[in-house]
Amino acid sequence: MKRDCECGDGCCEELNIKILGSGCRNCVTLANNTDQALKELGLQAKVNKVTDLAEIMSYGVMSTPALVINEEVVSFGKVLRAKEIAKILEQMR
């Protein structure tokens, strides 16, 4: 979802991020790395942790943890480092 942006550089784009997983250590680490990437880039986002198996499967994800940005699965089955997440976020801007 995009809001009207006066500057035109995408700074007003609203990010919706989901961490899909059972809440295991890898899921927590992915969530922490996501928070770190957002902080490094100076971005704000709504980050939700999704643990409901039916909802996780609705994304077509068979292995967790998974990272979903604006309803697009960008990674699953591995724990991305903060720098990797930052790179994905920059490419999506």
C-alpha atoms as a PDB file:
ATOM      1  CA  MET A   1       0.000   0.000   0.000  1.00  0.00           C
ATOM      2  CA  LYS A   2       1.374   3.391  -0.927  1.00  0.00           C
ATOM      3  CA  ARG A   3       0.478   6.705   0.543  1.00  0.00           C
ATOM      4  CA  ASP A   4       0.750  10.026  -1.221  1.00  0.00           C
ATOM      5  CA  CYS A   5       4.392  10.994  -1.014  1.00  0.00           C
ATOM      6  CA  GLU A   6       5.404  14.604  -1.451  1.00  0.00           C
ATOM      7  CA  CYS A   7       9.102  13.884  -1.886  1.00  0.00           C
ATOM      8  CA  GLY A   8       8.632  11.123  -4.454  1.00  0.00           C
ATOM      9  CA  ASP A   9      11.431   8.914  -3.117  1.00  0.00           C
ATOM     10  CA  GLY A  10       9.187   6.201  -1.649  1.00  0.00           C
ATOM     11  CA  CYS A  11       9.759   7.208   1.961  1.00  0.00           C
ATOM     12  CA  CYS A  12       6.043   7.175   2.635  1.00  0.00           C
ATOM     13  CA  GLU A  13       5.520   3.616   1.471  1.00  0.00           C
ATOM     14  CA  GLU A  14       4.044   1.501   4.200  1.00  0.00           C
ATOM     15  CA  LEU A  15       5.823  -1.792   4.814  1.00  0.00           C
ATOM     16  CA  ASN A  16       3.957  -4.787   6.132  1.00  0.00           C
ATOM     17  CA  ILE A  17       6.313  -7.566   7.229  1.00  0.00           C
ATOM     18  CA  LYS A  18       5.416 -11.008   8.533  1.00  0.00           C
ATOM     19  CA  ILE A  19       7.642 -13.605  10.124  1.00  0.00           C
ATOM     20  CA  LEU A  20       6.102 -17.027   9.549  1.00  0.00           C
ATOM     21  CA  GLY A  21       7.015 -19.815  11.935  1.00  0.00           C
ATOM     22  CA  SER A  22       6.317 -21.689  15.127  1.00  0.00           C
ATOM     23  CA  GLY A  23       8.155 -19.231  17.361  1.00  0.00           C
ATOM     24  CA  CYS A  24      11.320 -21.334  17.457  1.00  0.00           C
ATOM     25  CA  ARG A  25      14.790 -19.894  17.959  1.00  0.00           C
ATOM     26  CA  ASN A  26      15.299 -19.472  14.194  1.00  0.00           C
ATOM     27  CA  CYS A  27      12.029 -17.543  13.899  1.00  0.00           C
ATOM     28  CA  VAL A  28      13.016 -15.261  16.777  1.00  0.00           C
ATOM     29  CA  THR A  29      16.437 -14.692  15.201  1.00  0.00           C
ATOM     30  CA  LEU A  30      14.838 -13.820  11.840  1.00  0.00           C
ATOM     31  CA  ALA A  31      12.533 -11.350  13.593  1.00  0.00           C
ATOM     32  CA  ASN A  32      15.482  -9.753  15.407  1.00  0.00           C
ATOM     33  CA  ASN A  33      17.491  -9.542  12.175  1.00  0.00           C
ATOM     34  CA  THR A  34      14.505  -7.942  10.445  1.00  0.00           C
ATOM     35  CA  ASP A  35      14.222  -5.334  13.198  1.00  0.00           C
ATOM     36  CA  GLN A  36      17.954  -4.634  12.895  1.00  0.00           C
ATOM     37  CA  ALA A  37      17.725  -4.223   9.097  1.00  0.00           C
ATOM     38  CA  LEU A  38      14.807  -1.811   9.440  1.00  0.00           C
ATOM     39  CA  LYS A  39      16.706   0.206  12.013  1.00  0.00           C
ATOM     40  CA  GLU A  40      19.860   0.342   9.870  1.00  0.00           C
ATOM     41  CA  LEU A  41      17.845   1.586   6.893  1.00  0.00           C
ATOM     42  CA  GLY A  42      15.822   4.026   8.978  1.00  0.00           C
ATOM     43  CA  LEU A  43      12.567   2.393   7.916  1.00  0.00           C
ATOM     44  CA  GLN A  44       9.444   1.795   9.895  1.00  0.00           C
ATOM     45  CA  ALA A  45       7.256  -1.222   9.312  1.00  0.00           C
ATOM     46  CA  LYS A  46       4.493  -3.170  10.881  1.00  0.00           C
ATOM     47  CA  VAL A  47       6.064  -6.542  11.817  1.00  0.00           C
ATOM     48  CA  ASN A  48       3.757  -9.426  12.703  1.00  0.00           C
ATOM     49  CA  LYS A  49       4.723 -12.895  13.836  1.00  0.00           C
ATOM     50  CA  VAL A  50       2.447 -15.535  12.346  1.00  0.00           C
ATOM     51  CA  THR A  51       2.381 -18.896  14.127  1.00  0.00           C
ATOM     52  CA  ASP A  52      -0.925 -20.296  12.851  1.00  0.00           C
ATOM     53  CA  LEU A  53      -0.094 -23.309  10.659  1.00  0.00           C
ATOM     54  CA  ALA A  54      -3.074 -22.814   8.335  1.00  0.00           C
ATOM     55  CA  GLU A  55      -2.105 -19.186   7.715  1.00  0.00           C
ATOM     56  CA  ILE A  56       1.534 -20.147   7.130  1.00  0.00           C
ATOM     57  CA  MET A  57       0.468 -22.794   4.612  1.00  0.00           C
ATOM     58  CA  SER A  58      -1.765 -20.260   2.831  1.00  0.00           C
ATOM     59  CA  TYR A  59       1.476 -18.584   1.700  1.00  0.00           C
ATOM     60  CA  GLY A  60       2.669 -21.850   0.151  1.00  0.00           C
ATOM     61  CA  VAL A  61       5.486 -22.080   2.669  1.00  0.00           C
ATOM     62  CA  MET A  62       6.506 -25.595   3.621  1.00  0.00           C
ATOM     63  CA  SER A  63       9.569 -24.767   5.721  1.00  0.00           C
ATOM     64  CA  THR A  64      10.028 -22.007   8.242  1.00  0.00           C
ATOM     65  CA  PRO A  65      11.085 -19.472   9.206  1.00  0.00           C
ATOM     66  CA  ALA A  66       9.762 -17.411   6.328  1.00  0.00           C
ATOM     67  CA  LEU A  67       9.879 -13.704   5.622  1.00  0.00           C
ATOM     68  CA  VAL A  68       6.934 -12.024   3.902  1.00  0.00           C
ATOM     69  CA  ILE A  69       7.124  -8.394   2.806  1.00  0.00           C
ATOM     70  CA  ASN A  70       3.955  -6.702   1.565  1.00  0.00           C
ATOM     71  CA  GLU A  71       2.335 -10.127   1.104  1.00  0.00           C
ATOM     72  CA  GLU A  72       5.242 -11.453  -1.022  1.00  0.00           C
ATOM     73  CA  VAL A  73       7.234 -14.412   0.310  1.00  0.00           C
ATOM     74  CA  VAL A  74      10.857 -13.310  -0.074  1.00  0.00           C
ATOM     75  CA  SER A  75      12.559 -16.102   1.883  1.00  0.00           C
ATOM     76  CA  PHE A  76      11.728 -19.384   3.563  1.00  0.00           C
ATOM     77  CA  GLY A  77      13.560 -22.210   5.259  1.00  0.00           C
ATOM     78  CA  LYS A  78      16.536 -20.144   6.366  1.00  0.00           C
ATOM     79  CA  VAL A  79      17.536 -17.388   8.729  1.00  0.00           C
ATOM     80  CA  LEU A  80      18.555 -14.326   6.748  1.00  0.00           C
ATOM     81  CA  ARG A  81      21.184 -12.020   8.194  1.00  0.00           C
ATOM     82  CA  ALA A  82      20.264  -8.368   8.740  1.00  0.00           C
ATOM     83  CA  LYS A  83      22.385  -7.308   5.741  1.00  0.00           C
ATOM     84  CA  GLU A  84      20.538  -9.764   3.493  1.00  0.00           C
ATOM     85  CA  ILE A  85      17.179  -8.441   4.676  1.00  0.00           C
ATOM     86  CA  ALA A  86      18.338  -4.853   4.172  1.00  0.00           C
ATOM     87  CA  LYS A  87      19.340  -5.688   0.592  1.00  0.00           C
ATOM     88  CA  ILE A  88      15.893  -7.180  -0.098  1.00  0.00           C
ATOM     89  CA  LEU A  89      14.190  -4.131   1.408  1.00  0.00           C
ATOM     90  CA  GLU A  90      16.304  -1.761  -0.682  1.00  0.00           C
ATOM     91  CA  GLN A  91      15.440  -3.682  -3.850  1.00  0.00           C
ATOM     92  CA  MET A  92      11.725  -3.423  -3.032  1.00  0.00           C
ATOM     93  CA  ARG A  93      11.820   0.364  -2.601  1.00  0.00           C
END
